[in-house]
All heavy atoms as atom14 arrays in JSON, in Angstrom:
{
  "sequence": "HLKLPAEWNVLGADQSLTENIPRETLMHFAVRLGLLRLTWFLLQQPG",
  "atom14_mask": [
    [1, 1, 1, 1, 1, 1, 1, 1, 1, 1, 0, 0, 0, 0],
    [1, 1, 1, 1, 1, 1, 1, 1, 0, 0, 0, 0, 0, 0],
    [1, 1, 1, 1, 1, 1, 1, 1, 1, 0, 0, 0, 0, 0],
    [1, 1, 1, 1, 1, 1, 1, 1, 0, 0, 0, 0, 0, 0],
    [1, 1, 1, 1, 1, 1, 1, 0, 0, 0, 0, 0, 0, 0],
    [1, 1, 1, 1, 1, 0, 0, 0, 0, 0, 0, 0, 0, 0],
    [1, 1, 1, 1, 1, 1, 1, 1, 1, 0, 0, 0, 0, 0],
    [1, 1, 1, 1, 1, 1, 1, 1, 1, 1, 1, 1, 1, 1],
    [1, 1, 1, 1, 1, 1, 1, 1, 0, 0, 0, 0, 0, 0],
    [1, 1, 1, 1, 1, 1, 1, 0, 0, 0, 0, 0, 0, 0],
    [1, 1, 1, 1, 1, 1, 1, 1, 0, 0, 0, 0, 0, 0],
    [1, 1, 1, 1, 0, 0, 0, 0, 0, 0, 0, 0, 0, 0],
    [1, 1, 1, 1, 1, 0, 0, 0, 0, 0, 0, 0, 0, 0],
    [1, 1, 1, 1, 1, 1, 1, 1, 0, 0, 0, 0, 0, 0],
    [1, 1, 1, 1, 1, 1, 1, 1, 1, 0, 0, 0, 0, 0],
    [1, 1, 1, 1, 1, 1, 0, 0, 0, 0, 0, 0, 0, 0],
    [1, 1, 1, 1, 1, 1, 1, 1, 0, 0, 0, 0, 0, 0],
    [1, 1, 1, 1, 1, 1, 1, 0, 0, 0, 0, 0, 0, 0],
    [1, 1, 1, 1, 1, 1, 1, 1, 1, 0, 0, 0, 0, 0],
    [1, 1, 1, 1, 1, 1, 1, 1, 0, 0, 0, 0, 0, 0],
    [1, 1, 1, 1, 1, 1, 1, 1, 0, 0, 0, 0, 0, 0],
    [1, 1, 1, 1, 1, 1, 1, 0, 0, 0, 0, 0, 0, 0],
    [1, 1, 1, 1, 1, 1, 1, 1, 1, 1, 1, 0, 0, 0],
    [1, 1, 1, 1, 1, 1, 1, 1, 1, 0, 0, 0, 0, 0],
    [1, 1, 1, 1, 1, 1, 1, 0, 0, 0, 0, 0, 0, 0],
    [1, 1, 1, 1, 1, 1, 1, 1, 0, 0, 0, 0, 0, 0],
    [1, 1, 1, 1, 1, 1, 1, 1, 0, 0, 0, 0, 0, 0],
    [1, 1, 1, 1, 1, 1, 1, 1, 1, 1, 0, 0, 0, 0],
    [1, 1, 1, 1, 1, 1, 1, 1, 1, 1, 1, 0, 0, 0],
    [1, 1, 1, 1, 1, 0, 0, 0, 0, 0, 0, 0, 0, 0],
    [1, 1, 1, 1, 1, 1, 1, 0, 0, 0, 0, 0, 0, 0],
    [1, 1, 1, 1, 1, 1, 1, 1, 1, 1, 1, 0, 0, 0],
    [1, 1, 1, 1, 1, 1, 1, 1, 0, 0, 0, 0, 0, 0],
    [1, 1, 1, 1, 0, 0, 0, 0, 0, 0, 0, 0, 0, 0],
    [1, 1, 1, 1, 1, 1, 1, 1, 0, 0, 0, 0, 0, 0],
    [1, 1, 1, 1, 1, 1, 1, 1, 0, 0, 0, 0, 0, 0],
    [1, 1, 1, 1, 1, 1, 1, 1, 1, 1, 1, 0, 0, 0],
    [1, 1, 1, 1, 1, 1, 1, 1, 0, 0, 0, 0, 0, 0],
    [1, 1, 1, 1, 1, 1, 1, 0, 0, 0, 0, 0, 0, 0],
    [1, 1, 1, 1, 1, 1, 1, 1, 1, 1, 1, 1, 1, 1],
    [1, 1, 1, 1, 1, 1, 1, 1, 1, 1, 1, 0, 0, 0],
    [1, 1, 1, 1, 1, 1, 1, 1, 0, 0, 0, 0, 0, 0],
    [1, 1, 1, 1, 1, 1, 1, 1, 0, 0, 0, 0, 0, 0],
    [1, 1, 1, 1, 1, 1, 1, 1, 1, 0, 0, 0, 0, 0],
    [1, 1, 1, 1, 1, 1, 1, 1, 1, 0, 0, 0, 0, 0],
    [1, 1, 1, 1, 1, 1, 1, 0, 0, 0, 0, 0, 0, 0],
    [1, 1, 1, 1, 0, 0, 0, 0, 0, 0, 0, 0, 0, 0]
  ],
  "atom14_positions": [
    [[-25.88, -20.73, 41.64], [-26.45, -21.01, 42.96], [-25.4, -21.02, 44.07], [-25.75, -21.1, 45.24], [-27.19, -22.36, 42.94], [-28.37, -22.37, 42.02], [-28.87, -23.52, 41.47], [-29.13, -21.37, 41.52], [-29.91, -23.23, 40.7], [-30.08, -21.92, 40.72], [0.0, 0.0, 0.0], [0.0, 0.0, 0.0], [0.0, 0.0, 0.0], [0.0, 0.0, 0.0]],
    [[-24.12, -20.97, 43.71], [-23.06, -20.94, 44.73], [-23.08, -19.61, 45.45], [-23.36, -18.57, 44.85], [-21.68, -21.1, 44.08], [-21.2, -22.48, 43.65], [-19.77, -22.36, 43.11], [-21.25, -23.49, 44.77], [0.0, 0.0, 0.0], [0.0, 0.0, 0.0], [0.0, 0.0, 0.0], [0.0, 0.0, 0.0], [0.0, 0.0, 0.0], [0.0, 0.0, 0.0]],
    [[-22.73, -19.64, 46.74], [-22.58, -18.38, 47.47], [-21.11, -17.98, 47.39], [-20.29, -18.41, 48.19], [-23.02, -18.55, 48.92], [-24.5, -18.35, 49.12], [-24.8, -17.95, 50.55], [-26.21, -17.36, 50.63], [-26.55, -16.95, 52.0], [0.0, 0.0, 0.0], [0.0, 0.0, 0.0], [0.0, 0.0, 0.0], [0.0, 0.0, 0.0], [0.0, 0.0, 0.0]],
    [[-20.77, -17.2, 46.38], [-19.38, -16.78, 46.19], [-19.05, -15.66, 47.18], [-19.87, -14.77, 47.41], [-19.16, -16.28, 44.76], [-19.33, -17.34, 43.65], [-19.34, -16.67, 42.29], [-18.25, -18.4, 43.73], [0.0, 0.0, 0.0], [0.0, 0.0, 0.0], [0.0, 0.0, 0.0], [0.0, 0.0, 0.0], [0.0, 0.0, 0.0], [0.0, 0.0, 0.0]],
    [[-17.84, -15.68, 47.78], [-17.45, -14.61, 48.71], [-17.47, -13.25, 48.0], [-17.27, -13.18, 46.78], [-16.0, -14.99, 49.1], [-15.84, -16.43, 48.73], [-16.78, -16.69, 47.59], [0.0, 0.0, 0.0], [0.0, 0.0, 0.0], [0.0, 0.0, 0.0], [0.0, 0.0, 0.0], [0.0, 0.0, 0.0], [0.0, 0.0, 0.0], [0.0, 0.0, 0.0]],
    [[-17.7, -12.2, 48.76], [-17.8, -10.85, 48.18], [-16.52, -10.47, 47.43], [-16.56, -9.74, 46.44], [-18.08, -9.84, 49.28], [0.0, 0.0, 0.0], [0.0, 0.0, 0.0], [0.0, 0.0, 0.0], [0.0, 0.0, 0.0], [0.0, 0.0, 0.0], [0.0, 0.0, 0.0], [0.0, 0.0, 0.0], [0.0, 0.0, 0.0], [0.0, 0.0, 0.0]],
    [[-15.37, -11.0, 47.9], [-14.09, -10.64, 47.27], [-13.69, -11.59, 46.14], [-12.62, -11.49, 45.56], [-12.97, -10.63, 48.33], [-12.61, -11.97, 48.95], [-13.55, -12.43, 50.06], [-14.57, -11.75, 50.31], [-13.27, -13.49, 50.65], [0.0, 0.0, 0.0], [0.0, 0.0, 0.0], [0.0, 0.0, 0.0], [0.0, 0.0, 0.0], [0.0, 0.0, 0.0]],
    [[-14.59, -12.53, 45.77], [-14.25, -13.53, 44.74], [-13.99, -12.85, 43.4], [-14.68, -11.91, 43.02], [-15.36, -14.55, 44.6], [-14.95, -15.74, 43.76], [-14.27, -16.85, 44.17], [-15.2, -15.92, 42.35], [-14.07, -17.71, 43.12], [-14.63, -17.17, 41.99], [-15.83, -15.16, 41.37], [-14.67, -17.67, 40.69], [-15.88, -15.65, 40.07], [-15.31, -16.9, 39.74]],
    [[-12.97, -13.36, 42.7], [-12.57, -12.78, 41.42], [-12.2, -13.89, 40.45], [-11.61, -14.89, 40.85], [-11.37, -11.85, 41.66], [-11.06, -10.96, 40.47], [-10.63, -11.42, 39.43], [-11.28, -9.65, 40.65], [0.0, 0.0, 0.0], [0.0, 0.0, 0.0], [0.0, 0.0, 0.0], [0.0, 0.0, 0.0], [0.0, 0.0, 0.0], [0.0, 0.0, 0.0]],
    [[-12.57, -13.73, 39.18], [-12.26, -14.73, 38.15], [-10.76, -14.99, 38.07], [-10.31, -16.1, 37.79], [-12.79, -14.27, 36.77], [-12.31, -15.2, 35.65], [-14.32, -14.22, 36.78], [0.0, 0.0, 0.0], [0.0, 0.0, 0.0], [0.0, 0.0, 0.0], [0.0, 0.0, 0.0], [0.0, 0.0, 0.0], [0.0, 0.0, 0.0], [0.0, 0.0, 0.0]],
    [[-9.95, -13.96, 38.37], [-8.5, -14.06, 38.26], [-7.85, -14.57, 39.53], [-6.62, -14.7, 39.6], [-7.9, -12.69, 37.88], [-8.37, -12.13, 36.54], [-7.81, -10.74, 36.32], [-7.96, -13.06, 35.4], [0.0, 0.0, 0.0], [0.0, 0.0, 0.0], [0.0, 0.0, 0.0], [0.0, 0.0, 0.0], [0.0, 0.0, 0.0], [0.0, 0.0, 0.0]],
    [[-8.63, -14.83, 40.57], [-8.07, -15.34, 41.82], [-7.88, -14.25, 42.83], [-8.18, -13.08, 42.6], [0.0, 0.0, 0.0], [0.0, 0.0, 0.0], [0.0, 0.0, 0.0], [0.0, 0.0, 0.0], [0.0, 0.0, 0.0], [0.0, 0.0, 0.0], [0.0, 0.0, 0.0], [0.0, 0.0, 0.0], [0.0, 0.0, 0.0], [0.0, 0.0, 0.0]],
    [[-7.34, -14.65, 43.99], [-7.25, -13.73, 45.13], [-6.07, -12.76, 45.01], [-6.1, -11.68, 45.59], [-7.14, -14.53, 46.42], [0.0, 0.0, 0.0], [0.0, 0.0, 0.0], [0.0, 0.0, 0.0], [0.0, 0.0, 0.0], [0.0, 0.0, 0.0], [0.0, 0.0, 0.0], [0.0, 0.0, 0.0], [0.0, 0.0, 0.0], [0.0, 0.0, 0.0]],
    [[-5.01, -13.13, 44.28], [-3.81, -12.3, 44.22], [-3.99, -11.18, 43.21], [-3.71, -11.32, 42.02], [-2.59, -13.16, 43.85], [-1.28, -12.39, 44.02], [-1.35, -11.18, 44.33], [-0.2, -12.99, 43.85], [0.0, 0.0, 0.0], [0.0, 0.0, 0.0], [0.0, 0.0, 0.0], [0.0, 0.0, 0.0], [0.0, 0.0, 0.0], [0.0, 0.0, 0.0]],
    [[-4.46, -10.04, 43.68], [-4.73, -8.91, 42.79], [-3.46, -8.13, 42.42], [-3.51, -7.18, 41.64], [-5.74, -7.96, 43.43], [-7.08, -8.59, 43.73], [-7.71, -9.23, 42.5], [-7.88, -8.58, 41.48], [-8.06, -10.5, 42.58], [0.0, 0.0, 0.0], [0.0, 0.0, 0.0], [0.0, 0.0, 0.0], [0.0, 0.0, 0.0], [0.0, 0.0, 0.0]],
    [[-2.3, -8.54, 43.01], [-1.05, -7.83, 42.7], [-0.49, -8.25, 41.34], [0.37, -7.6, 40.78], [-0.01, -8.1, 43.79], [0.32, -9.5, 43.82], [0.0, 0.0, 0.0], [0.0, 0.0, 0.0], [0.0, 0.0, 0.0], [0.0, 0.0, 0.0], [0.0, 0.0, 0.0], [0.0, 0.0, 0.0], [0.0, 0.0, 0.0], [0.0, 0.0, 0.0]],
    [[-1.0, -9.39, 40.8], [-0.53, -9.85, 39.49], [-1.01, -8.9, 38.4], [-2.17, -8.48, 38.4], [-1.06, -11.26, 39.21], [-0.51, -12.38, 40.1], [-1.25, -13.68, 39.8], [0.97, -12.58, 39.86], [0.0, 0.0, 0.0], [0.0, 0.0, 0.0], [0.0, 0.0, 0.0], [0.0, 0.0, 0.0], [0.0, 0.0, 0.0], [0.0, 0.0, 0.0]],
    [[-0.14, -8.56, 37.48], [-0.55, -7.68, 36.38], [-1.02, -8.51, 35.19], [-0.76, -9.71, 35.12], [0.63, -6.78, 35.93], [1.62, -7.61, 35.31], [1.24, -6.03, 37.1], [0.0, 0.0, 0.0], [0.0, 0.0, 0.0], [0.0, 0.0, 0.0], [0.0, 0.0, 0.0], [0.0, 0.0, 0.0], [0.0, 0.0, 0.0], [0.0, 0.0, 0.0]],
    [[-1.67, -7.85, 34.28], [-2.19, -8.55, 33.1], [-1.07, -9.03, 32.18], [-1.29, -9.81, 31.27], [-3.15, -7.63, 32.33], [-4.44, -7.39, 33.08], [-5.45, -6.59, 32.27], [-5.16, -6.32, 31.1], [-6.52, -6.26, 32.82], [0.0, 0.0, 0.0], [0.0, 0.0, 0.0], [0.0, 0.0, 0.0], [0.0, 0.0, 0.0], [0.0, 0.0, 0.0]],
    [[0.15, -8.53, 32.41], [1.27, -8.9, 31.54], [1.88, -10.26, 31.91], [2.68, -10.79, 31.15], [2.37, -7.83, 31.59], [1.86, -6.48, 31.08], [1.05, -6.46, 30.17], [2.33, -5.4, 31.66], [0.0, 0.0, 0.0], [0.0, 0.0, 0.0], [0.0, 0.0, 0.0], [0.0, 0.0, 0.0], [0.0, 0.0, 0.0], [0.0, 0.0, 0.0]],
    [[1.54, -10.78, 33.08], [2.11, -12.06, 33.5], [1.33, -13.2, 32.87], [0.12, -13.34, 33.08], [2.08, -12.19, 35.04], [2.93, -11.1, 35.68], [2.57, -13.56, 35.48], [2.89, -11.08, 37.19], [0.0, 0.0, 0.0], [0.0, 0.0, 0.0], [0.0, 0.0, 0.0], [0.0, 0.0, 0.0], [0.0, 0.0, 0.0], [0.0, 0.0, 0.0]],
    [[2.0, -14.05, 32.05], [1.29, -15.18, 31.41], [0.78, -16.16, 32.47], [1.51, -16.53, 33.38], [2.37, -15.83, 30.54], [3.47, -14.84, 30.45], [3.42, -14.02, 31.69], [0.0, 0.0, 0.0], [0.0, 0.0, 0.0], [0.0, 0.0, 0.0], [0.0, 0.0, 0.0], [0.0, 0.0, 0.0], [0.0, 0.0, 0.0], [0.0, 0.0, 0.0]],
    [[-0.48, -16.53, 32.35], [-1.04, -17.51, 33.29], [-2.36, -18.05, 32.75], [-3.03, -17.42, 31.93], [-1.23, -16.92, 34.68], [-2.18, -15.73, 34.77], [-1.99, -15.05, 36.13], [-2.99, -14.05, 36.42], [-2.94, -12.8, 36.0], [-1.95, -12.41, 35.22], [-3.87, -11.93, 36.35], [0.0, 0.0, 0.0], [0.0, 0.0, 0.0], [0.0, 0.0, 0.0]],
    [[-2.71, -19.2, 33.26], [-3.98, -19.83, 32.91], [-5.07, -19.22, 33.77], [-4.85, -18.92, 34.95], [-3.88, -21.34, 33.17], [-4.93, -22.18, 32.49], [-4.74, -22.3, 30.98], [-3.65, -22.04, 30.46], [-5.74, -22.67, 30.33], [0.0, 0.0, 0.0], [0.0, 0.0, 0.0], [0.0, 0.0, 0.0], [0.0, 0.0, 0.0], [0.0, 0.0, 0.0]],
    [[-6.27, -19.01, 33.21], [-7.39, -18.45, 33.99], [-8.63, -19.33, 33.82], [-8.68, -20.18, 32.93], [-7.74, -17.01, 33.51], [-8.29, -17.09, 32.19], [-6.52, -16.11, 33.5], [0.0, 0.0, 0.0], [0.0, 0.0, 0.0], [0.0, 0.0, 0.0], [0.0, 0.0, 0.0], [0.0, 0.0, 0.0], [0.0, 0.0, 0.0], [0.0, 0.0, 0.0]],
    [[-9.61, -19.08, 34.67], [-10.88, -19.79, 34.55], [-11.53, -19.53, 33.19], [-12.22, -20.38, 32.65], [-11.86, -19.33, 35.65], [-11.87, -20.08, 36.98], [-12.94, -19.48, 37.88], [-12.11, -21.56, 36.78], [0.0, 0.0, 0.0], [0.0, 0.0, 0.0], [0.0, 0.0, 0.0], [0.0, 0.0, 0.0], [0.0, 0.0, 0.0], [0.0, 0.0, 0.0]],
    [[-11.28, -18.33, 32.64], [-11.86, -17.99, 31.35], [-11.23, -18.84, 30.24], [-11.93, -19.29, 29.33], [-11.64, -16.5, 31.06], [-12.46, -15.98, 29.91], [-14.25, -16.0, 30.23], [-14.43, -14.52, 31.2], [0.0, 0.0, 0.0], [0.0, 0.0, 0.0], [0.0, 0.0, 0.0], [0.0, 0.0, 0.0], [0.0, 0.0, 0.0], [0.0, 0.0, 0.0]],
    [[-9.93, -19.1, 30.34], [-9.27, -20.01, 29.38], [-9.94, -21.38, 29.44], [-10.21, -21.99, 28.4], [-7.77, -20.16, 29.71], [-6.92, -19.01, 29.29], [-6.66, -17.94, 30.13], [-6.26, -18.74, 28.14], [-5.86, -17.08, 29.51], [-5.61, -17.54, 28.29], [0.0, 0.0, 0.0], [0.0, 0.0, 0.0], [0.0, 0.0, 0.0], [0.0, 0.0, 0.0]],
    [[-10.18, -21.86, 30.66], [-10.8, -23.18, 30.84], [-12.17, -23.24, 30.15], [-12.46, -24.18, 29.4], [-10.95, -23.48, 32.34], [-11.89, -24.62, 32.64], [-11.48, -25.94, 32.52], [-13.2, -24.36, 33.03], [-12.36, -26.99, 32.77], [-14.08, -25.4, 33.29], [-13.65, -26.72, 33.16], [0.0, 0.0, 0.0], [0.0, 0.0, 0.0], [0.0, 0.0, 0.0]],
    [[-13.02, -22.25, 30.43], [-14.38, -22.25, 29.88], [-14.37, -22.16, 28.36], [-15.13, -22.86, 27.68], [-15.18, -21.09, 30.49], [0.0, 0.0, 0.0], [0.0, 0.0, 0.0], [0.0, 0.0, 0.0], [0.0, 0.0, 0.0], [0.0, 0.0, 0.0], [0.0, 0.0, 0.0], [0.0, 0.0, 0.0], [0.0, 0.0, 0.0], [0.0, 0.0, 0.0]],
    [[-13.5, -21.31, 27.81], [-13.44, -21.12, 26.35], [-12.86, -22.35, 25.67], [-13.33, -22.78, 24.61], [-12.63, -19.85, 26.0], [-12.38, -19.77, 24.5], [-13.37, -18.61, 26.49], [0.0, 0.0, 0.0], [0.0, 0.0, 0.0], [0.0, 0.0, 0.0], [0.0, 0.0, 0.0], [0.0, 0.0, 0.0], [0.0, 0.0, 0.0], [0.0, 0.0, 0.0]],
    [[-11.83, -22.95, 26.28], [-11.16, -24.11, 25.66], [-12.16, -25.24, 25.43], [-12.1, -25.95, 24.42], [-10.01, -24.57, 26.56], [-9.18, -25.69, 25.94], [-8.01, -26.08, 26.82], [-6.96, -25.08, 26.77], [-6.64, -24.27, 27.79], [-7.31, -24.34, 28.92], [-5.68, -23.4, 27.66], [0.0, 0.0, 0.0], [0.0, 0.0, 0.0], [0.0, 0.0, 0.0]],
    [[-13.1, -25.42, 26.36], [-14.09, -26.49, 26.22], [-15.34, -26.03, 25.46], [-16.24, -26.82, 25.21], [-14.5, -27.02, 27.61], [-13.46, -27.89, 28.33], [-14.01, -28.34, 29.68], [-13.06, -29.09, 27.5], [0.0, 0.0, 0.0], [0.0, 0.0, 0.0], [0.0, 0.0, 0.0], [0.0, 0.0, 0.0], [0.0, 0.0, 0.0], [0.0, 0.0, 0.0]],
    [[-15.4, -24.74, 25.13], [-16.57, -24.23, 24.4], [-17.8, -24.09, 25.27], [-18.92, -24.28, 24.81], [0.0, 0.0, 0.0], [0.0, 0.0, 0.0], [0.0, 0.0, 0.0], [0.0, 0.0, 0.0], [0.0, 0.0, 0.0], [0.0, 0.0, 0.0], [0.0, 0.0, 0.0], [0.0, 0.0, 0.0], [0.0, 0.0, 0.0], [0.0, 0.0, 0.0]],
    [[-17.6, -23.73, 26.56], [-18.71, -23.62, 27.5], [-19.31, -22.21, 27.43], [-18.89, -21.29, 28.13], [-18.23, -23.94, 28.93], [-17.52, -25.3, 29.09], [-17.07, -25.51, 30.53], [-18.44, -26.45, 28.64], [0.0, 0.0, 0.0], [0.0, 0.0, 0.0], [0.0, 0.0, 0.0], [0.0, 0.0, 0.0], [0.0, 0.0, 0.0], [0.0, 0.0, 0.0]],
    [[-20.3, -22.05, 26.59], [-20.89, -20.74, 26.29], [-21.55, -20.11, 27.52], [-21.34, -18.94, 27.82], [-21.91, -20.91, 25.17], [-22.41, -19.65, 24.46], [-21.28, -18.97, 23.71], [-23.54, -19.99, 23.49], [0.0, 0.0, 0.0], [0.0, 0.0, 0.0], [0.0, 0.0, 0.0], [0.0, 0.0, 0.0], [0.0, 0.0, 0.0], [0.0, 0.0, 0.0]],
    [[-22.37, -20.89, 28.22], [-23.1, -20.34, 29.38], [-22.16, -19.98, 30.52], [-22.32, -18.98, 31.19], [-24.16, -21.34, 29.85], [-25.23, -21.67, 28.81], [-26.13, -22.78, 29.35], [-27.11, -23.23, 28.38], [-26.91, -24.21, 27.5], [-25.73, -24.8, 27.44], [-27.86, -24.58, 26.67], [0.0, 0.0, 0.0], [0.0, 0.0, 0.0], [0.0, 0.0, 0.0]],
    [[-21.17, -20.87, 30.77], [-20.21, -20.6, 31.85], [-19.37, -19.37, 31.52], [-19.1, -18.54, 32.4], [-19.31, -21.81, 32.1], [-18.31, -21.67, 33.26], [-19.03, -21.36, 34.56], [-17.46, -22.93, 33.41], [0.0, 0.0, 0.0], [0.0, 0.0, 0.0], [0.0, 0.0, 0.0], [0.0, 0.0, 0.0], [0.0, 0.0, 0.0], [0.0, 0.0, 0.0]],
    [[-18.99, -19.22, 30.25], [-18.23, -18.04, 29.83], [-19.04, -16.77, 30.08], [-18.54, -15.78, 30.6], [-17.87, -18.13, 28.33], [-17.06, -19.29, 28.12], [-17.12, -16.9, 27.87], [0.0, 0.0, 0.0], [0.0, 0.0, 0.0], [0.0, 0.0, 0.0], [0.0, 0.0, 0.0], [0.0, 0.0, 0.0], [0.0, 0.0, 0.0], [0.0, 0.0, 0.0]],
    [[-20.34, -16.82, 29.72], [-21.22, -15.66, 29.96], [-21.27, -15.33, 31.45], [-21.16, -14.16, 31.84], [-22.62, -15.94, 29.43], [-23.63, -14.92, 29.89], [-24.48, -15.02, 30.95], [-23.86, -13.63, 29.32], [-25.23, -13.87, 31.08], [-24.86, -13.0, 30.09], [-23.31, -12.95, 28.23], [-25.33, -11.73, 29.8], [-23.79, -11.67, 27.96], [-24.78, -11.08, 28.75]],
    [[-21.42, -16.34, 32.29], [-21.48, -16.12, 33.73], [-20.19, -15.46, 34.22], [-20.23, -14.49, 34.98], [-21.7, -17.45, 34.47], [-21.64, -17.32, 35.97], [-22.77, -16.94, 36.69], [-20.46, -17.55, 36.66], [-22.71, -16.79, 38.08], [-20.39, -17.4, 38.03], [-21.52, -17.03, 38.75], [0.0, 0.0, 0.0], [0.0, 0.0, 0.0], [0.0, 0.0, 0.0]],
    [[-19.04, -16.0, 33.8], [-17.74, -15.46, 34.25], [-17.54, -14.02, 33.79], [-16.94, -13.21, 34.5], [-16.6, -16.34, 33.75], [-16.54, -17.77, 34.33], [-15.44, -18.57, 33.66], [-16.35, -17.74, 35.84], [0.0, 0.0, 0.0], [0.0, 0.0, 0.0], [0.0, 0.0, 0.0], [0.0, 0.0, 0.0], [0.0, 0.0, 0.0], [0.0, 0.0, 0.0]],
    [[-18.04, -13.69, 32.6], [-17.92, -12.33, 32.09], [-18.6, -11.3, 32.99], [-18.2, -10.15, 33.05], [-18.52, -12.23, 30.68], [-17.65, -12.66, 29.51], [-18.47, -12.63, 28.22], [-16.42, -11.77, 29.37], [0.0, 0.0, 0.0], [0.0, 0.0, 0.0], [0.0, 0.0, 0.0], [0.0, 0.0, 0.0], [0.0, 0.0, 0.0], [0.0, 0.0, 0.0]],
    [[-19.65, -11.74, 33.69], [-20.42, -10.82, 34.55], [-19.77, -10.66, 35.93], [-20.18, -9.81, 36.72], [-21.87, -11.31, 34.75], [-22.58, -11.78, 33.49], [-22.49, -10.8, 32.35], [-22.76, -9.62, 32.52], [-22.09, -11.3, 31.19], [0.0, 0.0, 0.0], [0.0, 0.0, 0.0], [0.0, 0.0, 0.0], [0.0, 0.0, 0.0], [0.0, 0.0, 0.0]],
    [[-18.76, -11.49, 36.24], [-18.14, -11.47, 37.56], [-16.92, -10.54, 37.59], [-16.33, -10.24, 36.54], [-17.71, -12.89, 37.98], [-18.8, -13.94, 37.89], [-20.09, -13.52, 38.59], [-20.07, -13.11, 39.75], [-21.21, -13.62, 37.88], [0.0, 0.0, 0.0], [0.0, 0.0, 0.0], [0.0, 0.0, 0.0], [0.0, 0.0, 0.0], [0.0, 0.0, 0.0]],
    [[-16.49, -10.11, 38.8], [-15.27, -9.29, 38.89], [-14.08, -10.02, 38.26], [-13.88, -11.21, 38.52], [-15.08, -9.14, 40.41], [-16.45, -9.32, 40.99], [-17.14, -10.3, 40.11], [0.0, 0.0, 0.0], [0.0, 0.0, 0.0], [0.0, 0.0, 0.0], [0.0, 0.0, 0.0], [0.0, 0.0, 0.0], [0.0, 0.0, 0.0], [0.0, 0.0, 0.0]],
    [[-13.32, -9.33, 37.43], [-12.16, -9.92, 36.78], [-12.48, -10.63, 35.48], [-11.57, -11.04, 34.75], [0.0, 0.0, 0.0], [0.0, 0.0, 0.0], [0.0, 0.0, 0.0], [0.0, 0.0, 0.0], [0.0, 0.0, 0.0], [0.0, 0.0, 0.0], [0.0, 0.0, 0.0], [0.0, 0.0, 0.0], [0.0, 0.0, 0.0], [0.0, 0.0, 0.0]]
  ]
}
């Protein structure tokens, strides 16, 4: 129900970061707690 900005991304605003840089993500958070529905939602979003 949130109105997410058009440029919103699961990985954050800094798109210059490459996948090789170790970092925590929202997906790590959702999976660590076992949040199945939130993980599904994040999978459908950019990033």
